[in-house]
Amino acid sequence: MAFRSGFYTLDASSLPTNPTLILGPFQGKVACQTIAFSRGVCGVAAATKTTQLVDDVEKFPGHIACDAASQSEIVVPIVVRGVVRAIIDVDCGVKGGFDEVDRRWLEELAGVLGEACDW
């Protein structure tokens, strides 16, 4: 089972007209360098400020296929004072690779990072 994980951070220079995420630290194959809010799973998570748990990425409208091996994905926004500062993006090589336990702990991690980092 292949995993790819990483962060995208808010590109402050893209505000307010075209909010964009830029690739931050990651593990795995090189991913998309920039993603507009509302585009793909990452963009939807950023635009809605909600976790996106996708069992089958092929069924997600507008999914961006940065890695053809990705079959499922979970994306968790890091929100600080009402603003999405970054997202945690984890892809899995099998469908249904994530569950509510993953959601719970990744959301916990996002909360810790939101409080601990100087955004």
N, C-alpha and C. Protein backbone atom coordinates (compact mmCIF):
# COMPACT_ATOMS: atom_id res chain seq x y z
N MET A 1 0.85 -1.17 0.00
CA MET A 1 0.00 0.00 0.00
C MET A 1 0.90 1.24 0.00
N ALA A 2 0.81 2.03 -1.03
CA ALA A 2 1.65 3.23 -1.17
C ALA A 2 0.96 4.44 -0.55
N PHE A 3 1.71 5.21 0.19
CA PHE A 3 1.21 6.45 0.76
C PHE A 3 2.06 7.61 0.27
N ARG A 4 1.44 8.75 0.13
CA ARG A 4 2.13 10.00 -0.13
C ARG A 4 1.54 10.99 0.85
N SER A 5 2.37 11.76 1.51
CA SER A 5 1.84 12.73 2.46
C SER A 5 2.64 14.02 2.39
N GLY A 6 1.98 15.09 2.75
CA GLY A 6 2.67 16.36 2.75
C GLY A 6 1.76 17.50 3.15
N PHE A 7 2.31 18.68 3.03
CA PHE A 7 1.62 19.90 3.39
C PHE A 7 1.57 20.83 2.18
N TYR A 8 0.50 21.57 2.11
CA TYR A 8 0.42 22.73 1.24
C TYR A 8 0.19 23.92 2.16
N THR A 9 0.82 25.04 1.87
CA THR A 9 0.63 26.23 2.68
C THR A 9 -0.02 27.32 1.85
N LEU A 10 -0.66 28.24 2.55
CA LEU A 10 -1.31 29.36 1.88
C LEU A 10 -0.25 30.28 1.28
N ASP A 11 -0.43 30.61 0.02
CA ASP A 11 0.43 31.60 -0.64
C ASP A 11 -0.18 32.97 -0.36
N ALA A 12 0.36 33.67 0.64
CA ALA A 12 -0.20 34.95 1.07
C ALA A 12 -0.25 35.97 -0.07
N SER A 13 0.66 35.86 -1.02
CA SER A 13 0.67 36.82 -2.14
C SER A 13 -0.51 36.62 -3.09
N SER A 14 -1.22 35.49 -2.96
CA SER A 14 -2.36 35.21 -3.84
C SER A 14 -3.66 35.83 -3.32
N LEU A 15 -3.62 36.35 -2.11
CA LEU A 15 -4.82 36.92 -1.50
C LEU A 15 -5.01 38.36 -1.94
N PRO A 16 -6.21 38.89 -1.96
CA PRO A 16 -7.46 38.20 -1.70
C PRO A 16 -8.14 37.67 -2.96
N THR A 17 -7.61 37.97 -4.12
CA THR A 17 -8.33 37.68 -5.37
C THR A 17 -8.28 36.23 -5.83
N ASN A 18 -7.18 35.53 -5.59
CA ASN A 18 -7.02 34.18 -6.13
C ASN A 18 -6.31 33.28 -5.11
N PRO A 19 -6.96 32.97 -3.97
CA PRO A 19 -6.28 32.19 -2.94
C PRO A 19 -5.73 30.87 -3.50
N THR A 20 -4.46 30.64 -3.20
CA THR A 20 -3.74 29.49 -3.75
C THR A 20 -2.91 28.81 -2.67
N LEU A 21 -2.82 27.49 -2.77
CA LEU A 21 -1.94 26.69 -1.91
C LEU A 21 -0.65 26.40 -2.67
N ILE A 22 0.48 26.42 -1.96
CA ILE A 22 1.76 26.04 -2.58
C ILE A 22 2.34 24.84 -1.84
N LEU A 23 2.99 23.98 -2.58
CA LEU A 23 3.55 22.76 -2.02
C LEU A 23 4.58 23.07 -0.95
N GLY A 24 4.43 22.42 0.19
CA GLY A 24 5.38 22.54 1.29
C GLY A 24 6.11 21.22 1.45
N PRO A 25 6.55 20.90 2.66
CA PRO A 25 7.25 19.64 2.90
C PRO A 25 6.36 18.45 2.54
N PHE A 26 6.95 17.44 1.92
CA PHE A 26 6.18 16.25 1.55
C PHE A 26 7.08 15.04 1.49
N GLN A 27 6.45 13.87 1.46
CA GLN A 27 7.13 12.59 1.32
C GLN A 27 6.44 11.85 0.18
N GLY A 28 7.20 11.26 -0.71
CA GLY A 28 6.62 10.53 -1.83
C GLY A 28 6.95 11.20 -3.14
N LYS A 29 6.19 10.82 -4.17
CA LYS A 29 6.40 11.42 -5.49
C LYS A 29 6.10 12.91 -5.46
N VAL A 30 6.78 13.65 -6.32
CA VAL A 30 6.55 15.09 -6.41
C VAL A 30 5.10 15.33 -6.79
N ALA A 31 4.47 16.24 -6.07
CA ALA A 31 3.06 16.53 -6.29
C ALA A 31 2.90 17.84 -7.06
N CYS A 32 1.66 18.23 -7.26
CA CYS A 32 1.36 19.50 -7.91
C CYS A 32 1.99 20.63 -7.09
N GLN A 33 2.57 21.60 -7.76
CA GLN A 33 3.25 22.70 -7.07
C GLN A 33 2.29 23.72 -6.48
N THR A 34 1.21 24.03 -7.19
CA THR A 34 0.21 24.99 -6.70
C THR A 34 -1.18 24.43 -6.94
N ILE A 35 -2.10 24.80 -6.05
CA ILE A 35 -3.50 24.38 -6.18
C ILE A 35 -4.37 25.56 -5.76
N ALA A 36 -5.28 25.96 -6.63
CA ALA A 36 -6.22 27.03 -6.30
C ALA A 36 -7.27 26.52 -5.32
N PHE A 37 -7.70 27.41 -4.42
CA PHE A 37 -8.80 27.06 -3.52
C PHE A 37 -9.98 26.63 -4.40
N SER A 38 -10.69 25.64 -3.97
CA SER A 38 -11.86 25.04 -4.63
C SER A 38 -11.50 24.09 -5.76
N ARG A 39 -10.20 23.88 -6.06
CA ARG A 39 -9.80 22.96 -7.12
C ARG A 39 -9.29 21.66 -6.52
N GLY A 40 -9.89 20.54 -6.89
CA GLY A 40 -9.45 19.25 -6.37
C GLY A 40 -9.79 19.08 -4.90
N VAL A 41 -9.36 17.97 -4.33
CA VAL A 41 -9.66 17.64 -2.94
C VAL A 41 -9.01 18.67 -2.02
N CYS A 42 -7.76 19.02 -2.27
CA CYS A 42 -7.04 19.99 -1.44
C CYS A 42 -7.72 21.36 -1.48
N GLY A 43 -8.05 21.81 -2.66
CA GLY A 43 -8.68 23.11 -2.81
C GLY A 43 -10.05 23.19 -2.16
N VAL A 44 -10.83 22.11 -2.26
CA VAL A 44 -12.15 22.08 -1.62
C VAL A 44 -12.00 22.12 -0.11
N ALA A 45 -11.04 21.36 0.44
CA ALA A 45 -10.80 21.39 1.89
C ALA A 45 -10.43 22.80 2.34
N ALA A 46 -9.59 23.47 1.56
CA ALA A 46 -9.17 24.83 1.90
C ALA A 46 -10.34 25.81 1.79
N ALA A 47 -11.10 25.72 0.72
CA ALA A 47 -12.20 26.66 0.50
C ALA A 47 -13.32 26.50 1.52
N THR A 48 -13.59 25.25 1.93
CA THR A 48 -14.69 24.99 2.86
C THR A 48 -14.25 24.92 4.31
N LYS A 49 -12.93 24.88 4.54
CA LYS A 49 -12.36 24.75 5.89
C LYS A 49 -12.83 23.47 6.57
N THR A 50 -13.05 22.43 5.76
CA THR A 50 -13.50 21.14 6.31
C THR A 50 -12.64 20.00 5.78
N THR A 51 -12.53 18.97 6.59
CA THR A 51 -11.80 17.77 6.19
C THR A 51 -12.52 17.09 5.04
N GLN A 52 -11.75 16.63 4.07
CA GLN A 52 -12.28 15.86 2.95
C GLN A 52 -11.72 14.45 3.04
N LEU A 53 -12.58 13.47 3.26
CA LEU A 53 -12.19 12.07 3.31
C LEU A 53 -12.80 11.41 2.07
N VAL A 54 -11.95 11.02 1.14
CA VAL A 54 -12.41 10.53 -0.16
C VAL A 54 -12.00 9.08 -0.32
N ASP A 55 -12.99 8.18 -0.34
CA ASP A 55 -12.72 6.74 -0.46
C ASP A 55 -12.23 6.34 -1.84
N ASP A 56 -12.69 7.05 -2.87
CA ASP A 56 -12.32 6.73 -4.26
C ASP A 56 -12.13 8.05 -5.01
N VAL A 57 -10.88 8.43 -5.24
CA VAL A 57 -10.61 9.74 -5.85
C VAL A 57 -11.17 9.86 -7.26
N GLU A 58 -11.36 8.74 -7.95
CA GLU A 58 -11.91 8.80 -9.31
C GLU A 58 -13.35 9.29 -9.31
N LYS A 59 -14.03 9.18 -8.17
CA LYS A 59 -15.42 9.62 -8.07
C LYS A 59 -15.55 11.04 -7.52
N PHE A 60 -14.42 11.67 -7.19
CA PHE A 60 -14.47 13.03 -6.65
C PHE A 60 -14.46 14.02 -7.82
N PRO A 61 -15.51 14.84 -7.94
CA PRO A 61 -15.57 15.80 -9.05
C PRO A 61 -14.38 16.76 -9.02
N GLY A 62 -13.66 16.84 -10.12
CA GLY A 62 -12.55 17.77 -10.22
C GLY A 62 -11.26 17.30 -9.57
N HIS A 63 -11.18 16.02 -9.24
CA HIS A 63 -9.95 15.50 -8.61
C HIS A 63 -8.74 15.80 -9.49
N ILE A 64 -7.66 16.25 -8.87
CA ILE A 64 -6.41 16.51 -9.58
C ILE A 64 -5.52 15.29 -9.39
N ALA A 65 -5.19 14.62 -10.47
CA ALA A 65 -4.40 13.39 -10.40
C ALA A 65 -2.91 13.72 -10.48
N CYS A 66 -2.33 14.11 -9.34
CA CYS A 66 -0.88 14.38 -9.30
C CYS A 66 -0.09 13.08 -9.33
N ASP A 67 -0.67 12.01 -8.80
CA ASP A 67 -0.02 10.70 -8.77
C ASP A 67 -1.06 9.66 -9.18
N ALA A 68 -0.85 9.01 -10.30
CA ALA A 68 -1.81 8.03 -10.82
C ALA A 68 -2.04 6.87 -9.86
N ALA A 69 -1.11 6.62 -8.94
CA ALA A 69 -1.25 5.51 -7.99
C ALA A 69 -2.22 5.83 -6.86
N SER A 70 -2.58 7.10 -6.69
CA SER A 70 -3.48 7.50 -5.61
C SER A 70 -4.89 6.98 -5.88
N GLN A 71 -5.45 6.28 -4.89
CA GLN A 71 -6.81 5.75 -5.00
C GLN A 71 -7.77 6.36 -3.99
N SER A 72 -7.23 6.79 -2.84
CA SER A 72 -8.04 7.46 -1.82
C SER A 72 -7.21 8.57 -1.20
N GLU A 73 -7.91 9.50 -0.53
CA GLU A 73 -7.20 10.69 -0.04
C GLU A 73 -7.94 11.27 1.16
N ILE A 74 -7.17 11.83 2.07
CA ILE A 74 -7.74 12.62 3.16
C ILE A 74 -6.97 13.93 3.22
N VAL A 75 -7.72 15.02 3.31
CA VAL A 75 -7.13 16.36 3.36
C VAL A 75 -7.74 17.10 4.55
N VAL A 76 -6.87 17.62 5.42
CA VAL A 76 -7.32 18.29 6.64
C VAL A 76 -6.77 19.72 6.65
N PRO A 77 -7.65 20.71 6.74
CA PRO A 77 -7.17 22.09 6.78
C PRO A 77 -6.60 22.46 8.16
N ILE A 78 -5.59 23.30 8.15
CA ILE A 78 -5.05 23.89 9.37
C ILE A 78 -5.57 25.32 9.40
N VAL A 79 -6.51 25.58 10.30
CA VAL A 79 -7.20 26.87 10.35
C VAL A 79 -6.73 27.63 11.59
N VAL A 80 -6.29 28.85 11.39
CA VAL A 80 -5.82 29.71 12.47
C VAL A 80 -6.61 31.01 12.43
N ARG A 81 -7.31 31.31 13.51
CA ARG A 81 -8.14 32.52 13.59
C ARG A 81 -9.04 32.68 12.36
N GLY A 82 -9.66 31.58 11.97
CA GLY A 82 -10.62 31.59 10.87
C GLY A 82 -10.04 31.57 9.47
N VAL A 83 -8.70 31.52 9.36
CA VAL A 83 -8.04 31.54 8.05
C VAL A 83 -7.30 30.22 7.84
N VAL A 84 -7.50 29.60 6.68
CA VAL A 84 -6.75 28.39 6.35
C VAL A 84 -5.31 28.79 6.06
N ARG A 85 -4.39 28.31 6.88
CA ARG A 85 -2.97 28.62 6.71
C ARG A 85 -2.23 27.53 5.96
N ALA A 86 -2.76 26.30 6.04
CA ALA A 86 -2.12 25.15 5.38
C ALA A 86 -3.12 24.01 5.35
N ILE A 87 -2.74 22.95 4.65
CA ILE A 87 -3.52 21.71 4.69
C ILE A 87 -2.56 20.54 4.81
N ILE A 88 -3.06 19.48 5.43
CA ILE A 88 -2.35 18.20 5.47
C ILE A 88 -3.00 17.34 4.40
N ASP A 89 -2.20 16.78 3.51
CA ASP A 89 -2.70 15.97 2.39
C ASP A 89 -2.05 14.59 2.44
N VAL A 90 -2.88 13.55 2.56
CA VAL A 90 -2.37 12.18 2.58
C VAL A 90 -3.12 11.37 1.53
N ASP A 91 -2.36 10.72 0.65
CA ASP A 91 -2.92 9.87 -0.40
C ASP A 91 -2.58 8.41 -0.10
N CYS A 92 -3.45 7.51 -0.53
CA CYS A 92 -3.23 6.07 -0.34
C CYS A 92 -3.42 5.34 -1.67
N GLY A 93 -2.66 4.28 -1.85
CA GLY A 93 -2.71 3.51 -3.09
C GLY A 93 -3.84 2.50 -3.18
N VAL A 94 -4.73 2.47 -2.17
CA VAL A 94 -5.89 1.59 -2.23
C VAL A 94 -7.15 2.41 -1.96
N LYS A 95 -8.27 1.97 -2.52
CA LYS A 95 -9.54 2.63 -2.26
C LYS A 95 -9.94 2.38 -0.81
N GLY A 96 -10.56 3.38 -0.21
CA GLY A 96 -11.00 3.25 1.17
C GLY A 96 -9.85 3.16 2.16
N GLY A 97 -8.75 3.80 1.85
CA GLY A 97 -7.55 3.70 2.68
C GLY A 97 -7.60 4.47 3.99
N PHE A 98 -8.64 5.28 4.19
CA PHE A 98 -8.74 6.10 5.40
C PHE A 98 -10.11 5.92 6.03
N ASP A 99 -10.18 6.18 7.34
CA ASP A 99 -11.45 6.05 8.05
C ASP A 99 -11.60 7.18 9.07
N GLU A 100 -12.62 7.07 9.90
CA GLU A 100 -12.91 8.12 10.88
C GLU A 100 -11.81 8.25 11.94
N VAL A 101 -11.10 7.17 12.22
CA VAL A 101 -9.98 7.24 13.16
C VAL A 101 -8.88 8.11 12.57
N ASP A 102 -8.59 7.93 11.29
CA ASP A 102 -7.61 8.78 10.61
C ASP A 102 -8.05 10.24 10.66
N ARG A 103 -9.33 10.47 10.37
CA ARG A 103 -9.87 11.84 10.40
C ARG A 103 -9.66 12.46 11.78
N ARG A 104 -10.03 11.71 12.81
CA ARG A 104 -9.94 12.23 14.18
C ARG A 104 -8.52 12.67 14.52
N TRP A 105 -7.55 11.80 14.26
CA TRP A 105 -6.18 12.09 14.68
C TRP A 105 -5.49 13.11 13.76
N LEU A 106 -5.83 13.12 12.50
CA LEU A 106 -5.27 14.15 11.62
C LEU A 106 -5.85 15.53 11.95
N GLU A 107 -7.13 15.57 12.32
CA GLU A 107 -7.72 16.84 12.76
C GLU A 107 -7.09 17.30 14.07
N GLU A 108 -6.80 16.36 14.95
CA GLU A 108 -6.09 16.70 16.20
C GLU A 108 -4.71 17.28 15.88
N LEU A 109 -3.99 16.62 14.98
CA LEU A 109 -2.67 17.10 14.56
C LEU A 109 -2.77 18.50 13.95
N ALA A 110 -3.77 18.72 13.11
CA ALA A 110 -3.95 20.04 12.49
C ALA A 110 -4.18 21.11 13.56
N GLY A 111 -4.94 20.77 14.58
CA GLY A 111 -5.17 21.72 15.67
C GLY A 111 -3.89 22.06 16.42
N VAL A 112 -3.09 21.04 16.70
CA VAL A 112 -1.81 21.26 17.39
C VAL A 112 -0.89 22.13 16.54
N LEU A 113 -0.79 21.81 15.25
CA LEU A 113 0.07 22.59 14.36
C LEU A 113 -0.42 24.03 14.22
N GLY A 114 -1.73 24.20 14.19
CA GLY A 114 -2.29 25.55 14.09
C GLY A 114 -1.92 26.41 15.29
N GLU A 115 -1.90 25.79 16.47
CA GLU A 115 -1.57 26.53 17.69
C GLU A 115 -0.06 26.68 17.88
N ALA A 116 0.71 25.67 17.50
CA ALA A 116 2.14 25.64 17.82
C ALA A 116 3.02 26.39 16.82
N CYS A 117 2.57 26.52 15.59
CA CYS A 117 3.42 27.14 14.56
C CYS A 117 3.14 28.64 14.45
N ASP A 118 4.13 29.37 14.04
CA ASP A 118 4.01 30.81 13.84
C ASP A 118 3.58 31.07 12.40
N TRP A 119 2.29 31.08 12.18
CA TRP A 119 1.76 31.24 10.83
C TRP A 119 1.73 32.71 10.50
